Amino acid sequence: MHRSSIKLLTAALVVVLAGFYGSLTRLEAVERHGSMHVEQSPFGTTADGQSVELFTCTNAHGVKLTMMTYGAIVVSLEVPDRDGTIANVNLGYEKLDGYLAGSPYFGATVGRYCNRISGGTFSLDGKQYTLATNNGENHLHGGDVGYDKVVWDARPIRKRNEVGVRFQYTSKDGEEGYPGTVQITATYTLTNDNELKVELRARSDAATPVNLTNHCYWNLAGAGSGSILDHQLQVESDEYLAVDDTLIPTGKMVPVKGSPLDFTAPHAIGERLKQIPEIEGLPQGYDHCFVVRRGKAGMALAARVTDPSSGRTMEIHTTQPGLQFYSGNFLDGTDGSGGFQQYEGFCLETQHYPDSPNQPGFPSTILYPGKKFQQETVHVFFAR
């Protein structure tokens, strides 16, 4: 064959191979785009100059969970409705500044002790401890600088059918008045079954109260779409904790039957909200801890909630003994509330009971050296 013909054939082969391998590259890119993955990106800095990272986790169906290292916070969760339309169902801010300015715990990992401790004090092994009183005369959600206001270490994780982020934080002895140095791990994963799994673990070098939860505000019609009062809620509970006028448990467990807190069958959240006895100085609504009904230890169904307009439904399964239902009473439309109005989001926080360190009749929340705190909650999303 003539040398010039060989050159022409070689050139043509190079073009063909380039196109072939280019197609492979494009195909691989589509496969990566369509499969589970985690993307990491910067999300700003705190006032003291700490970098905050954003993690976006996508499952095989295109459901997206976005979290950040500040507060180990769920920034957004995008899930489909009955028609396949995707929307974010978790309240939050678009920028870090909103969280830094003082969030109502949007999406946060809360501790060392979530919910309230009466008077900001408790006694342990003969010694009294004093905590911050950041909720009137009581201690709330870990104090002035709880776990929701610190930067966590984090790394992405990927398993066979799930992707997520593992956050870690060391809470030092004396932090916010608590005894003992506590090592905390909060693992959030998104599965291909459209589940958000939250596993919370802790170990301590001294006896200390530990009560950890996630504090997402949900609106299954989509964040910013309006009121959640028509959402249908069912809670697997026959009793709730009676509280005083500062929302501290009295120690009594009250049957829900016949009360506005009876969600043993589905009811609209707003159906009986105005029947709840008003507490002076507090906006009317639900802010109650339910005793999760369970026949044995381990995971139990705690609640199911559905938005009739979109069909989006969320089930909550947990190992925790309690479920705090909060109907977004303090949201007021200001920047501090992310622009969300009252009753535009609700919380279902799995946890131990409020004020347990001062309530000997409640399940203990004291973590001792050599022991492990470990609780798991799974949010299952589907559309009806």
Protein backbone atom coordinates (compact mmCIF):
# COMPACT_ATOMS: atom_id res chain seq x y z
CA MET A 1 0.00 0.00 0.00
CA HIS A 2 1.24 3.49 -0.79
CA ARG A 3 2.67 5.40 2.20
CA SER A 4 0.21 8.27 1.70
CA SER A 5 -2.72 5.81 1.80
CA ILE A 6 -1.40 4.32 5.06
CA LYS A 7 -1.24 7.81 6.56
CA LEU A 8 -4.84 8.49 5.51
CA LEU A 9 -6.07 5.20 7.00
CA THR A 10 -4.14 5.84 10.22
CA ALA A 11 -5.62 9.30 10.52
CA ALA A 12 -9.11 7.95 9.93
CA LEU A 13 -8.57 5.24 12.56
CA VAL A 14 -7.44 7.84 15.09
CA VAL A 15 -10.61 9.84 14.43
CA VAL A 16 -12.80 6.75 14.83
CA LEU A 17 -11.05 5.66 18.03
CA ALA A 18 -11.24 9.19 19.42
CA GLY A 19 -14.97 9.23 18.79
CA PHE A 20 -15.33 5.76 20.32
CA TYR A 21 -13.42 6.62 23.48
CA GLY A 22 -15.16 10.00 23.63
CA SER A 23 -18.49 8.15 23.64
CA LEU A 24 -17.22 5.92 26.46
CA THR A 25 -16.20 8.99 28.44
CA ARG A 26 -19.63 10.55 27.95
CA LEU A 27 -21.32 7.25 28.87
CA GLU A 28 -19.25 6.96 32.06
CA ALA A 29 -20.18 10.52 32.97
CA VAL A 30 -23.88 9.70 32.57
CA GLU A 31 -23.48 6.60 34.74
CA ARG A 32 -21.76 8.59 37.44
CA HIS A 33 -24.48 11.22 37.25
CA GLY A 34 -27.20 8.62 37.52
CA SER A 35 -25.68 6.63 40.39
CA MET A 36 -25.25 7.28 44.11
CA HIS A 37 -22.64 9.87 44.90
CA VAL A 38 -21.55 12.55 47.37
CA GLU A 39 -20.31 15.97 46.31
CA GLN A 40 -18.38 18.26 48.66
CA SER A 41 -18.13 22.05 48.32
CA PRO A 42 -17.31 25.09 50.48
CA PHE A 43 -20.24 26.82 52.19
CA GLY A 44 -18.55 29.81 53.83
CA THR A 45 -16.80 30.53 57.11
CA THR A 46 -17.87 31.17 60.69
CA ALA A 47 -17.25 34.43 62.52
CA ASP A 48 -14.01 33.00 63.96
CA GLY A 49 -12.77 31.93 60.52
CA GLN A 50 -13.60 28.21 60.51
CA SER A 51 -14.39 26.79 57.09
CA VAL A 52 -17.79 25.16 56.65
CA GLU A 53 -18.25 22.38 54.09
CA LEU A 54 -21.41 21.34 52.28
CA PHE A 55 -22.13 17.71 51.33
CA THR A 56 -24.75 16.81 48.73
CA CYS A 57 -25.74 13.13 48.76
CA THR A 58 -27.74 11.74 45.83
CA ASN A 59 -29.26 8.27 45.69
CA ALA A 60 -29.98 6.16 42.60
CA HIS A 61 -33.45 7.75 42.23
CA GLY A 62 -32.27 11.36 42.29
CA VAL A 63 -33.33 12.04 45.88
CA LYS A 64 -30.92 14.57 47.39
CA LEU A 65 -29.79 15.12 50.97
CA THR A 66 -27.69 18.23 51.61
CA MET A 67 -25.84 18.68 54.91
CA MET A 68 -23.11 20.90 56.31
CA THR A 69 -20.40 20.66 58.92
CA TYR A 70 -21.76 23.59 60.95
CA GLY A 71 -24.10 22.00 63.47
CA ALA A 72 -24.14 18.72 61.48
CA ILE A 73 -27.20 20.32 59.95
CA VAL A 74 -29.61 18.96 57.32
CA VAL A 75 -29.82 21.90 54.92
CA SER A 76 -32.32 20.32 52.51
CA LEU A 77 -33.91 17.03 51.53
CA GLU A 78 -35.48 16.75 48.08
CA VAL A 79 -38.05 13.97 47.57
CA PRO A 80 -40.73 13.24 44.91
CA ASP A 81 -44.50 13.61 45.18
CA ARG A 82 -47.11 11.25 43.70
CA ASP A 83 -46.40 12.66 40.21
CA GLY A 84 -42.63 12.39 40.57
CA THR A 85 -42.16 16.13 41.12
CA ILE A 86 -39.17 16.80 43.36
CA ALA A 87 -39.31 19.37 46.17
CA ASN A 88 -37.29 20.22 49.26
CA VAL A 89 -39.33 19.25 52.34
CA ASN A 90 -36.93 20.55 55.02
CA LEU A 91 -36.95 24.14 56.28
CA GLY A 92 -33.65 26.04 56.29
CA TYR A 93 -31.64 28.91 54.85
CA GLU A 94 -30.03 29.25 51.43
CA LYS A 95 -26.82 30.69 52.91
CA LEU A 96 -24.69 30.01 55.97
CA ASP A 97 -25.30 33.53 57.31
CA GLY A 98 -28.88 32.63 58.22
CA TYR A 99 -27.74 29.81 60.49
CA LEU A 100 -24.98 31.90 62.05
CA ALA A 101 -27.40 34.73 62.85
CA GLY A 102 -29.49 32.51 65.12
CA SER A 103 -31.59 29.70 63.68
CA PRO A 104 -34.51 28.01 65.50
CA TYR A 105 -32.44 24.79 65.24
CA PHE A 106 -33.36 24.20 61.58
CA GLY A 107 -32.13 20.71 60.66
CA ALA A 108 -29.59 20.62 63.50
CA THR A 109 -27.97 17.80 65.42
CA VAL A 110 -28.80 18.82 68.98
CA GLY A 111 -26.96 18.08 72.26
CA ARG A 112 -25.42 17.54 74.75
CA TYR A 113 -28.98 17.41 76.05
CA CYS A 114 -31.83 18.12 73.65
CA ASN A 115 -35.10 19.59 74.94
CA ARG A 116 -35.30 21.12 78.44
CA ILE A 117 -33.64 20.70 81.83
CA SER A 118 -35.51 22.38 84.66
CA GLY A 119 -33.82 25.46 86.11
CA GLY A 120 -30.63 24.62 84.24
CA THR A 121 -29.47 22.39 87.09
CA PHE A 122 -29.16 18.72 87.94
CA SER A 123 -27.39 16.59 90.52
CA LEU A 124 -25.21 13.61 89.67
CA ASP A 125 -23.29 11.40 92.08
CA GLY A 126 -23.80 13.90 94.88
CA LYS A 127 -22.64 16.97 92.95
CA GLN A 128 -24.83 19.73 91.53
CA TYR A 129 -24.16 21.11 88.05
CA THR A 130 -25.30 24.46 86.68
CA LEU A 131 -26.05 24.94 82.99
CA ALA A 132 -26.99 27.92 80.86
CA THR A 133 -30.61 29.04 81.20
CA ASN A 134 -31.35 29.97 77.58
CA ASN A 135 -35.09 29.26 77.60
CA GLY A 136 -36.55 31.44 80.30
CA GLU A 137 -35.46 29.84 83.56
CA ASN A 138 -34.65 26.52 81.87
CA HIS A 139 -31.85 24.98 79.85
CA LEU A 140 -32.72 24.14 76.22
CA HIS A 141 -31.00 22.07 73.50
CA GLY A 142 -27.50 22.10 75.00
CA GLY A 143 -27.29 25.74 76.05
CA ASP A 144 -25.88 28.91 74.53
CA VAL A 145 -23.42 27.04 72.28
CA GLY A 146 -24.83 23.58 71.80
CA TYR A 147 -23.79 21.05 69.18
CA ASP A 148 -25.90 22.93 66.62
CA LYS A 149 -23.47 25.88 66.79
CA VAL A 150 -20.09 24.16 66.37
CA VAL A 151 -18.18 22.92 63.33
CA TRP A 152 -17.97 19.12 63.16
CA ASP A 153 -15.35 16.99 61.45
CA ALA A 154 -16.92 15.09 58.57
CA ARG A 155 -16.22 12.63 55.82
CA PRO A 156 -18.46 11.19 53.10
CA ILE A 157 -19.41 7.52 53.27
CA ARG A 158 -20.72 5.15 50.65
CA LYS A 159 -22.08 1.66 51.10
CA ARG A 160 -23.73 -0.74 48.70
CA ASN A 161 -27.16 0.90 48.73
CA GLU A 162 -26.61 4.17 50.59
CA VAL A 163 -24.53 7.32 50.69
CA GLY A 164 -24.09 9.83 53.46
CA VAL A 165 -21.87 11.73 55.86
CA ARG A 166 -20.27 10.74 59.15
CA PHE A 167 -19.83 13.70 61.51
CA GLN A 168 -17.66 13.68 64.62
CA TYR A 169 -17.29 16.15 67.46
CA THR A 170 -15.48 16.17 70.81
CA SER A 171 -17.43 17.92 73.54
CA LYS A 172 -14.95 18.87 76.25
CA ASP A 173 -15.35 18.51 79.99
CA GLY A 174 -17.11 21.61 81.34
CA GLU A 175 -18.54 22.64 77.99
CA GLU A 176 -21.82 24.49 78.69
CA GLY A 177 -21.47 23.28 82.30
CA TYR A 178 -21.62 19.54 81.60
CA PRO A 179 -19.16 17.10 83.18
CA GLY A 180 -17.01 14.74 81.13
CA THR A 181 -15.42 14.80 77.70
CA VAL A 182 -17.80 13.19 75.22
CA GLN A 183 -16.93 11.81 71.78
CA ILE A 184 -19.96 12.06 69.48
CA THR A 185 -20.55 10.48 66.09
CA ALA A 186 -23.61 11.42 64.03
CA THR A 187 -24.04 9.40 60.85
CA TYR A 188 -26.63 10.48 58.28
CA THR A 189 -27.24 8.22 55.28
CA LEU A 190 -29.61 8.33 52.31
CA THR A 191 -30.63 4.91 51.01
CA ASN A 192 -31.92 3.73 47.65
CA ASP A 193 -35.21 2.99 49.42
CA ASN A 194 -35.60 6.76 49.96
CA GLU A 195 -34.80 6.52 53.66
CA LEU A 196 -32.96 9.08 55.75
CA LYS A 197 -31.14 7.13 58.47
CA VAL A 198 -29.76 8.94 61.52
CA GLU A 199 -27.44 7.06 63.88
CA LEU A 200 -26.21 8.90 66.97
CA ARG A 201 -23.42 7.51 69.15
CA ALA A 202 -21.48 8.83 72.13
CA ARG A 203 -18.87 7.79 74.69
CA SER A 204 -17.78 9.70 77.78
CA ASP A 205 -14.86 9.62 80.19
CA ALA A 206 -17.11 10.66 83.11
CA ALA A 207 -20.75 10.26 84.05
CA THR A 208 -22.86 12.85 82.22
CA PRO A 209 -26.37 13.33 80.82
CA VAL A 210 -26.61 12.68 77.07
CA ASN A 211 -29.74 13.15 74.97
CA LEU A 212 -29.19 13.62 71.23
CA THR A 213 -31.65 14.25 68.42
CA ASN A 214 -32.09 15.76 64.99
CA HIS A 215 -34.26 18.89 64.77
CA CYS A 216 -35.53 19.00 61.18
CA TYR A 217 -38.61 21.11 60.44
CA TRP A 218 -40.74 19.37 57.82
CA ASN A 219 -43.28 20.54 55.28
CA LEU A 220 -44.13 17.67 52.98
CA ALA A 221 -45.83 19.97 50.48
CA GLY A 222 -42.46 21.70 50.08
CA ALA A 223 -40.60 24.21 52.21
CA GLY A 224 -42.18 27.64 51.76
CA SER A 225 -45.42 26.25 50.32
CA GLY A 226 -47.55 27.39 53.26
CA SER A 227 -49.21 25.88 56.31
CA ILE A 228 -48.74 22.30 57.52
CA LEU A 229 -52.05 22.30 59.43
CA ASP A 230 -53.75 20.05 56.85
CA HIS A 231 -51.02 17.38 57.10
CA GLN A 232 -52.47 14.12 58.40
CA LEU A 233 -50.53 12.85 61.44
CA GLN A 234 -50.63 9.53 63.24
CA VAL A 235 -48.51 8.95 66.35
CA GLU A 236 -47.94 5.49 67.78
CA SER A 237 -48.45 6.54 71.37
CA ASP A 238 -51.06 6.10 74.08
CA GLU A 239 -49.52 8.56 76.56
CA TYR A 240 -47.79 11.93 76.64
CA LEU A 241 -45.83 13.76 79.32
CA ALA A 242 -47.76 16.35 81.30
CA VAL A 243 -45.87 19.66 81.58
CA ASP A 244 -45.97 22.82 83.67
CA ASP A 245 -46.32 26.34 82.31
CA THR A 246 -42.62 26.40 81.30
CA LEU A 247 -42.96 23.10 79.38
CA ILE A 248 -41.07 21.08 82.02
CA PRO A 249 -42.54 17.59 82.65
CA THR A 250 -44.39 17.14 85.92
CA GLY A 251 -43.42 13.45 85.97
CA LYS A 252 -46.92 12.25 85.07
CA MET A 253 -47.78 10.31 81.92
CA VAL A 254 -51.26 11.19 80.71
CA PRO A 255 -53.44 9.06 78.40
CA VAL A 256 -53.99 10.73 75.03
CA LYS A 257 -57.47 9.23 74.64
CA GLY A 258 -60.17 11.88 74.40
CA SER A 259 -57.68 14.76 74.19
CA PRO A 260 -56.39 16.96 71.34
CA LEU A 261 -53.18 14.90 71.59
CA ASP A 262 -54.87 11.67 70.52
CA PHE A 263 -53.23 10.84 67.18
CA THR A 264 -53.67 7.07 67.50
CA ALA A 265 -55.70 7.45 64.29
CA PRO A 266 -54.78 10.02 61.61
CA HIS A 267 -55.89 13.61 62.23
CA ALA A 268 -55.06 16.88 60.53
CA ILE A 269 -52.48 18.75 62.60
CA GLY A 270 -54.70 21.83 62.69
CA GLU A 271 -57.95 20.00 63.42
CA ARG A 272 -57.77 20.35 67.21
CA LEU A 273 -54.79 22.65 67.66
CA LYS A 274 -56.88 25.47 69.11
CA GLN A 275 -58.28 23.07 71.71
CA ILE A 276 -54.88 22.78 73.36
CA PRO A 277 -54.92 24.72 76.65
CA GLU A 278 -53.10 28.01 76.25
CA ILE A 279 -50.01 28.73 78.33
CA GLU A 280 -49.55 32.39 79.19
CA GLY A 281 -46.82 34.00 77.12
CA LEU A 282 -46.48 31.06 74.72
CA PRO A 283 -48.01 30.77 71.25
CA GLN A 284 -50.70 28.13 71.04
CA GLY A 285 -49.83 24.78 69.49
CA TYR A 286 -48.26 21.40 70.01
CA ASP A 287 -44.94 21.14 71.87
CA HIS A 288 -45.38 17.80 73.63
CA CYS A 289 -43.35 14.65 74.21
CA PHE A 290 -45.16 11.40 73.40
CA VAL A 291 -44.27 8.02 74.88
CA VAL A 292 -43.54 5.78 71.89
CA ARG A 293 -45.62 2.60 72.00
CA ARG A 294 -43.44 -0.49 71.73
CA GLY A 295 -43.80 -4.16 72.52
CA LYS A 296 -40.07 -4.82 72.70
CA ALA A 297 -36.69 -3.12 72.59
CA GLY A 298 -35.28 -2.00 69.27
CA MET A 299 -36.78 -0.19 66.31
CA ALA A 300 -40.46 0.78 66.46
CA LEU A 301 -42.79 2.82 64.29
CA ALA A 302 -43.27 6.17 66.02
CA ALA A 303 -45.25 8.29 63.55
CA ARG A 304 -46.64 8.61 60.05
CA VAL A 305 -47.53 11.92 58.40
CA THR A 306 -48.98 12.65 54.95
CA ASP A 307 -49.49 15.82 52.94
CA PRO A 308 -52.80 15.30 51.09
CA SER A 309 -51.97 17.79 48.32
CA SER A 310 -48.77 16.08 47.15
CA GLY A 311 -49.20 12.59 48.55
CA ARG A 312 -45.77 12.77 50.15
CA THR A 313 -45.66 10.60 53.25
CA MET A 314 -43.01 10.23 55.94
CA GLU A 315 -42.79 7.37 58.42
CA ILE A 316 -40.50 7.59 61.43
CA HIS A 317 -39.05 4.46 63.04
CA THR A 318 -36.80 4.76 66.09
CA THR A 319 -35.08 3.08 69.01
CA GLN A 320 -35.72 6.17 71.17
CA PRO A 321 -38.42 6.12 73.89
CA GLY A 322 -39.92 9.54 73.15
CA LEU A 323 -41.15 11.68 70.27
CA GLN A 324 -41.39 15.46 70.66
CA PHE A 325 -44.07 16.88 68.36
CA TYR A 326 -43.72 20.61 67.73
CA SER A 327 -46.04 22.43 65.34
CA GLY A 328 -43.81 25.42 64.54
CA ASN A 329 -45.56 27.69 67.04
CA PHE A 330 -42.71 30.21 67.37
CA LEU A 331 -42.09 30.70 63.63
CA ASP A 332 -43.07 34.30 62.88
CA GLY A 333 -42.04 35.17 59.32
CA THR A 334 -38.94 37.14 60.35
CA ASP A 335 -35.40 36.55 59.11
CA GLY A 336 -34.73 34.68 62.35
CA SER A 337 -37.43 32.21 61.29
CA GLY A 338 -36.05 31.98 57.77
CA GLY A 339 -39.07 33.93 56.54
CA PHE A 340 -41.35 31.02 57.47
CA GLN A 341 -44.63 31.86 59.17
CA GLN A 342 -46.20 30.17 62.19
CA TYR A 343 -47.28 26.56 61.44
CA GLU A 344 -45.33 26.38 58.16
CA GLY A 345 -43.16 23.55 59.48
CA PHE A 346 -43.40 20.81 62.11
CA CYS A 347 -40.84 18.77 64.05
CA LEU A 348 -40.98 15.14 65.15
CA GLU A 349 -37.87 14.78 67.29
CA THR A 350 -37.01 11.29 68.52
CA GLN A 351 -35.34 11.50 71.93
CA HIS A 352 -35.32 10.59 75.61
CA TYR A 353 -37.73 12.51 77.81
CA PRO A 354 -37.15 16.15 78.75
CA ASP A 355 -35.67 16.85 82.19
CA SER A 356 -34.78 13.20 82.76
CA PRO A 357 -31.77 14.07 84.99
CA ASN A 358 -34.28 15.55 87.47
CA GLN A 359 -36.97 12.89 87.02
CA PRO A 360 -36.05 9.57 88.68
CA GLY A 361 -39.13 7.90 87.22
CA PHE A 362 -38.00 8.49 83.62
CA PRO A 363 -35.58 6.24 81.69
CA SER A 364 -32.04 7.29 82.60
CA THR A 365 -30.03 9.51 80.27
CA ILE A 366 -26.77 9.22 82.23
CA LEU A 367 -23.88 7.94 80.15
CA TYR A 368 -21.12 6.30 82.21
CA PRO A 369 -17.51 5.61 81.23
CA GLY A 370 -17.18 2.31 79.42
CA LYS A 371 -20.79 2.47 78.22
CA LYS A 372 -22.07 3.58 74.82
CA PHE A 373 -24.95 5.84 73.87
CA GLN A 374 -26.40 4.55 70.59
CA GLN A 375 -29.77 5.45 69.09
CA GLU A 376 -31.10 5.18 65.54
CA THR A 377 -33.98 6.84 63.71
CA VAL A 378 -35.11 6.11 60.15
CA HIS A 379 -37.33 8.47 58.12
CA VAL A 380 -39.00 6.61 55.24
CA PHE A 381 -40.35 8.72 52.36
CA PHE A 382 -42.91 7.64 49.77
CA ALA A 383 -45.94 9.07 47.96
CA ARG A 384 -49.58 8.03 48.12
